[in-house]
Amino acid sequence: WKGTGPYVIQNNHLEATGEAVAFGGAIPSISGVIPSDIYIFGNHFYKPLSWRKGHSSYAGVPWMVKNHLEFKVGRRIWVMGNLFENIWQADQYGFAMQFTVRTENGRVMWNVIEDLVFSNNIVRGAAGGINILGKDDYNQKGAVRRVTISDNLFEDISHRNWGGYGRFLQVLNGTEGLRVDHNTVLQTGSMLTMSGVTTGFVYTNNITAEATYLFTGGTNHPANSLPQLAPGYTFRRNLIAGGVSSMWPADNYFPPSIASLPFVDVFNGNYTLQLSCPYAKAATDGKAIGVNMTLLRAALRAAN
């Protein structure tokens, strides 16, 4: 929290009950410092189920469990080619990642999270995917700007299996320049939860699972809520399994279920869409909607 950077965290197996990696959370001794140029490549973030109370392998020690990766401050951040496994609701709601700016009760007013790329990762077994807090709840200060979430697989994001909400992406207090593109997400809760106003919002080419509430925020009617919550938004060429087309912006697709989608090999975790299906070249860039598993697996190998 009090270094300038750069930082490289690469090729590690990381187990920690609270957060395996966190930036911020304390008052730095250098005024105005922002940890910058942070590279997190090719790591395995993992929490053993023996830490989870109620699991058959629980070892009897009540550990404090929070998340895998947390940024309360940071600039120019790349999180790529990592595997994140096992995070459940305990001392927090069980989001795998927290991008939540904090001013430490108003004592670090310069804190921001800027230019963060979260790409080519697998998040498997979690109560939630990513939580973004665009301004500190304490004083509505700080800012989160220019976050890209692209080309990731989120698998078993489930409130049934892991507690919490089972949400893919939660954005509270608004943010600036949020791009979500080419992700494949198997979640049980909302695909997107928003509050505040987000500017520069782009949500394209993603696959999300059916859920009781695919979207919450505003009026809970996406076509009506998005203009309020994300004025000037782009929301195109997404596969929203189980969705009702009349509730969503135009130029999206609504297969009846995730099970109806022709993935290459679900049994072995390959969620690339088969070339023969109508969505294989339907993305805004002419490619298949969702994650390209060949490129994702190559990124994980290259990082290691």
Protein backbone atom coordinates (compact mmCIF):
# COMPACT_ATOMS: atom_id res chain seq x y z
CA TRP A 1 0.00 0.00 0.00
CA LYS A 2 2.96 2.34 0.26
CA GLY A 3 5.16 1.35 -2.69
CA THR A 4 5.23 2.87 -6.17
CA GLY A 5 5.79 -0.34 -8.17
CA PRO A 6 6.29 -2.00 -10.55
CA TYR A 7 5.18 -5.34 -9.11
CA VAL A 8 5.31 -8.76 -10.77
CA ILE A 9 3.45 -11.70 -9.20
CA GLN A 10 3.94 -14.66 -11.53
CA ASN A 11 3.87 -18.49 -11.54
CA ASN A 12 2.83 -19.01 -7.91
CA HIS A 13 0.44 -21.29 -6.07
CA LEU A 14 -1.28 -18.95 -3.62
CA GLU A 15 -3.42 -20.05 -0.67
CA ALA A 16 -4.62 -17.50 1.88
CA THR A 17 -7.75 -17.37 3.98
CA GLY A 18 -8.35 -13.61 3.75
CA GLU A 19 -6.95 -12.33 0.45
CA ALA A 20 -4.09 -14.01 -1.37
CA VAL A 21 -3.11 -10.67 -2.92
CA ALA A 22 -4.32 -7.22 -1.87
CA PHE A 23 -3.26 -3.68 -2.71
CA GLY A 24 -4.30 -0.88 -0.34
CA GLY A 25 -6.07 -1.20 2.97
CA ALA A 26 -3.77 1.00 5.04
CA ILE A 27 -2.45 4.56 5.13
CA PRO A 28 0.83 4.96 3.20
CA SER A 29 3.75 6.95 4.54
CA ILE A 30 4.29 8.60 1.12
CA SER A 31 1.69 11.24 0.31
CA GLY A 32 0.10 10.76 -3.11
CA VAL A 33 1.59 7.31 -3.75
CA ILE A 34 -0.38 4.90 -5.95
CA PRO A 35 0.98 1.38 -6.51
CA SER A 36 1.37 1.16 -10.30
CA ASP A 37 2.42 -1.18 -13.11
CA ILE A 38 1.16 -4.35 -11.46
CA TYR A 39 1.48 -7.64 -13.37
CA ILE A 40 -0.29 -10.74 -12.01
CA PHE A 41 0.34 -13.57 -14.49
CA GLY A 42 0.06 -17.35 -14.44
CA ASN A 43 -0.83 -17.94 -10.81
CA HIS A 44 -3.11 -20.51 -9.18
CA PHE A 45 -5.23 -18.85 -6.49
CA TYR A 46 -6.77 -21.59 -4.36
CA LYS A 47 -8.62 -22.05 -1.07
CA PRO A 48 -8.80 -25.63 0.28
CA LEU A 49 -12.30 -26.80 1.12
CA SER A 50 -10.94 -27.99 4.48
CA TRP A 51 -11.23 -24.30 5.46
CA ARG A 52 -14.97 -24.27 4.74
CA LYS A 53 -17.22 -24.92 7.70
CA GLY A 54 -19.87 -27.49 6.81
CA HIS A 55 -17.86 -29.17 4.07
CA SER A 56 -17.12 -32.87 4.49
CA SER A 57 -13.37 -32.14 4.57
CA TYR A 58 -13.61 -29.25 7.07
CA ALA A 59 -10.64 -29.47 9.44
CA GLY A 60 -12.36 -27.74 12.36
CA VAL A 61 -10.53 -24.39 12.27
CA PRO A 62 -12.84 -21.37 11.69
CA TRP A 63 -10.66 -19.33 9.33
CA MET A 64 -11.60 -15.82 8.17
CA VAL A 65 -12.29 -16.19 4.43
CA LYS A 66 -12.75 -13.16 2.14
CA ASN A 67 -11.66 -13.28 -1.53
CA HIS A 68 -8.80 -14.17 -3.86
CA LEU A 69 -7.67 -10.78 -5.18
CA GLU A 70 -8.47 -7.28 -3.96
CA PHE A 71 -7.56 -3.81 -5.18
CA LYS A 72 -8.41 -0.79 -3.05
CA VAL A 73 -5.91 1.28 -5.01
CA GLY A 74 -3.81 0.74 -8.13
CA ARG A 75 -2.94 2.02 -11.57
CA ARG A 76 -1.98 0.16 -14.76
CA ILE A 77 -2.87 -3.37 -13.68
CA TRP A 78 -2.80 -6.56 -15.77
CA VAL A 79 -4.35 -9.75 -14.38
CA MET A 80 -3.93 -12.43 -17.05
CA GLY A 81 -3.58 -16.20 -17.41
CA ASN A 82 -4.56 -17.07 -13.83
CA LEU A 83 -6.75 -19.79 -12.36
CA PHE A 84 -8.92 -18.79 -9.38
CA GLU A 85 -10.57 -21.70 -7.52
CA ASN A 86 -12.90 -21.99 -4.51
CA ILE A 87 -14.29 -18.96 -2.73
CA TRP A 88 -17.46 -19.04 -0.66
CA GLN A 89 -19.56 -16.73 1.46
CA ALA A 90 -17.96 -16.38 4.88
CA ASP A 91 -16.54 -13.09 6.19
CA GLN A 92 -17.53 -11.48 2.88
CA TYR A 93 -20.12 -12.39 0.24
CA GLY A 94 -17.67 -14.58 -1.64
CA PHE A 95 -16.80 -12.54 -4.75
CA ALA A 96 -13.58 -13.91 -6.24
CA MET A 97 -12.31 -10.41 -7.12
CA GLN A 98 -12.85 -7.07 -5.40
CA PHE A 99 -12.01 -3.89 -7.35
CA THR A 100 -13.22 -1.54 -4.63
CA VAL A 101 -11.58 1.86 -4.20
CA ARG A 102 -11.13 2.98 -0.59
CA THR A 103 -9.97 6.29 0.90
CA GLU A 104 -9.28 4.80 4.36
CA ASN A 105 -11.93 6.90 6.09
CA GLY A 106 -10.99 9.99 4.13
CA ARG A 107 -7.27 9.89 4.97
CA VAL A 108 -6.08 8.77 1.51
CA MET A 109 -8.15 10.97 -0.76
CA TRP A 110 -5.95 10.41 -3.82
CA ASN A 111 -6.71 6.70 -4.10
CA VAL A 112 -7.97 5.46 -7.50
CA ILE A 113 -8.15 2.21 -9.44
CA GLU A 114 -7.33 2.94 -13.08
CA ASP A 115 -6.50 1.06 -16.28
CA LEU A 116 -7.11 -2.46 -15.03
CA VAL A 117 -7.23 -5.39 -17.49
CA PHE A 118 -8.66 -8.70 -16.30
CA SER A 119 -8.28 -11.06 -19.25
CA ASN A 120 -7.77 -14.74 -20.14
CA ASN A 121 -8.44 -16.07 -16.64
CA ILE A 122 -10.54 -18.94 -15.31
CA VAL A 123 -12.66 -18.34 -12.22
CA ARG A 124 -14.07 -21.63 -10.99
CA GLY A 125 -16.22 -22.29 -7.93
CA ALA A 126 -17.27 -18.98 -6.38
CA ALA A 127 -20.18 -17.27 -4.67
CA GLY A 128 -19.66 -14.30 -7.02
CA GLY A 129 -17.43 -13.18 -9.88
CA ILE A 130 -16.28 -9.56 -9.70
CA ASN A 131 -17.39 -6.75 -7.40
CA ILE A 132 -16.57 -3.17 -8.48
CA LEU A 133 -17.07 -0.21 -6.15
CA GLY A 134 -16.71 2.98 -8.17
CA LYS A 135 -16.59 5.34 -5.17
CA ASP A 136 -15.87 4.72 -1.52
CA ASP A 137 -19.05 4.16 0.49
CA TYR A 138 -17.56 6.21 3.32
CA ASN A 139 -17.49 9.55 1.50
CA GLN A 140 -18.34 8.88 -2.17
CA LYS A 141 -14.74 9.78 -3.08
CA GLY A 142 -12.05 7.97 -5.03
CA ALA A 143 -12.72 6.60 -8.50
CA VAL A 144 -12.57 3.42 -10.56
CA ARG A 145 -11.82 4.14 -14.22
CA ARG A 146 -11.15 2.14 -17.38
CA VAL A 147 -11.62 -1.49 -16.35
CA THR A 148 -11.64 -4.20 -19.03
CA ILE A 149 -13.01 -7.69 -18.30
CA SER A 150 -12.52 -9.80 -21.41
CA ASP A 151 -11.97 -13.35 -22.66
CA ASN A 152 -12.52 -15.10 -19.33
CA LEU A 153 -14.35 -18.24 -18.25
CA PHE A 154 -16.46 -18.00 -15.09
CA GLU A 155 -17.60 -21.51 -14.18
CA ASP A 156 -19.80 -22.59 -11.25
CA ILE A 157 -20.57 -19.09 -9.98
CA SER A 158 -23.33 -20.35 -7.74
CA HIS A 159 -25.20 -19.23 -4.65
CA ARG A 160 -26.43 -22.80 -4.30
CA ASN A 161 -22.94 -24.28 -4.09
CA TRP A 162 -21.01 -21.42 -2.50
CA GLY A 163 -23.51 -19.10 -0.77
CA GLY A 164 -23.65 -15.38 -1.49
CA TYR A 165 -25.58 -14.10 -4.50
CA GLY A 166 -24.14 -16.10 -7.40
CA ARG A 167 -23.69 -12.86 -9.37
CA PHE A 168 -21.30 -12.50 -12.29
CA LEU A 169 -20.63 -8.75 -12.08
CA GLN A 170 -21.66 -6.22 -9.45
CA VAL A 171 -21.02 -2.50 -10.05
CA LEU A 172 -21.92 -0.21 -7.16
CA ASN A 173 -21.69 3.60 -6.96
CA GLY A 174 -21.04 3.82 -10.71
CA THR A 175 -17.75 3.74 -12.59
CA GLU A 176 -16.13 5.15 -15.73
CA GLY A 177 -15.08 3.28 -18.86
CA LEU A 178 -16.15 -0.30 -18.09
CA ARG A 179 -15.74 -2.79 -20.95
CA VAL A 180 -17.00 -6.39 -20.64
CA ASP A 181 -16.37 -8.49 -23.76
CA HIS A 182 -16.16 -12.15 -24.85
CA ASN A 183 -16.69 -13.78 -21.46
CA THR A 184 -18.47 -17.09 -20.88
CA VAL A 185 -20.23 -17.16 -17.53
CA LEU A 186 -22.15 -19.98 -15.85
CA GLN A 187 -23.85 -18.26 -12.94
CA THR A 188 -27.01 -18.77 -10.91
CA GLY A 189 -27.67 -15.17 -9.87
CA SER A 190 -27.80 -11.87 -11.73
CA MET A 191 -25.52 -11.45 -14.72
CA LEU A 192 -25.23 -7.76 -13.89
CA THR A 193 -26.11 -5.72 -10.82
CA MET A 194 -25.65 -1.95 -10.94
CA SER A 195 -26.19 1.15 -8.83
CA GLY A 196 -25.15 4.75 -9.43
CA VAL A 197 -24.28 5.95 -12.93
CA THR A 198 -21.66 4.22 -15.09
CA THR A 199 -20.33 6.07 -18.13
CA GLY A 200 -18.61 4.48 -21.12
CA PHE A 201 -20.23 1.11 -20.50
CA VAL A 202 -19.67 -1.56 -23.18
CA TYR A 203 -21.10 -5.06 -22.72
CA THR A 204 -20.64 -7.20 -25.82
CA ASN A 205 -20.25 -10.81 -27.00
CA ASN A 206 -20.80 -12.45 -23.61
CA ILE A 207 -22.55 -15.71 -22.70
CA THR A 208 -24.44 -15.86 -19.42
CA ALA A 209 -26.50 -18.62 -17.86
CA GLU A 210 -30.18 -18.55 -17.09
CA ALA A 211 -30.96 -17.21 -13.61
CA THR A 212 -33.95 -16.15 -11.58
CA TYR A 213 -32.91 -12.51 -11.95
CA LEU A 214 -30.64 -11.91 -14.91
CA PHE A 215 -30.38 -8.20 -14.15
CA THR A 216 -31.06 -6.07 -11.08
CA GLY A 217 -30.77 -2.32 -10.75
CA GLY A 218 -33.04 0.57 -11.65
CA THR A 219 -36.44 -0.85 -12.56
CA ASN A 220 -35.16 -4.45 -12.97
CA HIS A 221 -36.19 -4.12 -16.62
CA PRO A 222 -32.88 -3.96 -18.52
CA ALA A 223 -34.09 -2.05 -21.56
CA ASN A 224 -35.55 0.62 -19.26
CA SER A 225 -32.83 0.57 -16.60
CA LEU A 226 -29.70 0.73 -18.74
CA PRO A 227 -30.33 4.27 -20.08
CA GLN A 228 -30.58 5.46 -16.47
CA LEU A 229 -27.70 3.47 -15.05
CA ALA A 230 -25.34 3.59 -18.06
CA PRO A 231 -26.26 6.47 -20.38
CA GLY A 232 -24.73 6.04 -23.84
CA TYR A 233 -24.17 2.33 -23.22
CA THR A 234 -23.34 -0.34 -25.82
CA PHE A 235 -25.05 -3.69 -25.19
CA ARG A 236 -24.87 -6.00 -28.21
CA ARG A 237 -24.45 -9.57 -29.42
CA ASN A 238 -24.77 -11.24 -26.03
CA LEU A 239 -26.23 -14.71 -25.48
CA ILE A 240 -28.61 -14.45 -22.53
CA ALA A 241 -29.89 -17.97 -21.91
CA GLY A 242 -33.47 -17.98 -20.70
CA GLY A 243 -33.91 -14.25 -21.23
CA VAL A 244 -37.02 -12.59 -22.68
CA SER A 245 -36.11 -10.53 -25.73
CA SER A 246 -38.72 -7.80 -25.05
CA MET A 247 -36.96 -6.90 -21.80
CA TRP A 248 -33.54 -6.37 -23.35
CA PRO A 249 -31.90 -3.98 -25.82
CA ALA A 250 -32.00 -5.04 -29.47
CA ASP A 251 -29.27 -7.07 -31.21
CA ASN A 252 -28.88 -9.78 -28.57
CA TYR A 253 -29.75 -13.51 -28.55
CA PHE A 254 -31.89 -15.58 -26.21
CA PRO A 255 -31.40 -19.36 -26.39
CA PRO A 256 -33.67 -21.31 -24.05
CA SER A 257 -30.88 -22.55 -21.79
CA ILE A 258 -27.15 -22.97 -21.43
CA ALA A 259 -27.68 -26.70 -21.97
CA SER A 260 -29.04 -25.97 -25.45
CA LEU A 261 -25.80 -24.33 -26.58
CA PRO A 262 -23.46 -26.54 -28.65
CA PHE A 263 -20.18 -26.18 -26.79
CA VAL A 264 -17.25 -28.19 -28.07
CA ASP A 265 -16.69 -30.35 -24.96
CA VAL A 266 -18.37 -29.35 -21.70
CA PHE A 267 -17.25 -32.55 -19.98
CA ASN A 268 -13.62 -31.46 -20.37
CA GLY A 269 -14.30 -27.79 -19.73
CA ASN A 270 -14.16 -26.55 -23.34
CA TYR A 271 -16.86 -23.90 -23.71
CA THR A 272 -15.93 -22.79 -27.22
CA LEU A 273 -19.04 -22.75 -29.42
CA GLN A 274 -19.00 -25.27 -32.26
CA LEU A 275 -18.41 -23.78 -35.71
CA SER A 276 -21.68 -25.21 -36.98
CA CYS A 277 -23.87 -23.22 -34.57
CA PRO A 278 -25.49 -19.89 -35.55
CA TYR A 279 -23.53 -17.96 -32.91
CA ALA A 280 -20.08 -19.11 -34.06
CA LYS A 281 -19.54 -15.97 -36.16
CA ALA A 282 -22.19 -13.71 -34.62
CA ALA A 283 -20.01 -11.55 -32.36
CA THR A 284 -19.39 -7.89 -33.17
CA ASP A 285 -15.90 -8.85 -34.41
CA GLY A 286 -17.19 -11.74 -36.57
CA LYS A 287 -15.95 -14.39 -34.15
CA ALA A 288 -17.83 -16.75 -31.84
CA ILE A 289 -19.70 -15.22 -28.94
CA GLY A 290 -18.15 -16.00 -25.56
CA VAL A 291 -14.64 -17.02 -24.66
CA ASN A 292 -12.27 -18.71 -27.10
CA MET A 293 -11.01 -21.61 -25.04
CA THR A 294 -8.06 -22.29 -27.34
CA LEU A 295 -6.70 -18.81 -26.76
CA LEU A 296 -7.57 -18.92 -23.06
CA ARG A 297 -5.71 -22.17 -22.50
CA ALA A 298 -2.75 -20.87 -24.49
CA ALA A 299 -2.65 -17.80 -22.23
CA LEU A 300 -2.60 -19.99 -19.12
CA ARG A 301 0.22 -22.12 -20.56
CA ALA A 302 2.22 -19.12 -21.74
CA ALA A 303 1.97 -17.43 -18.35
CA ASN A 304 3.32 -20.57 -16.67
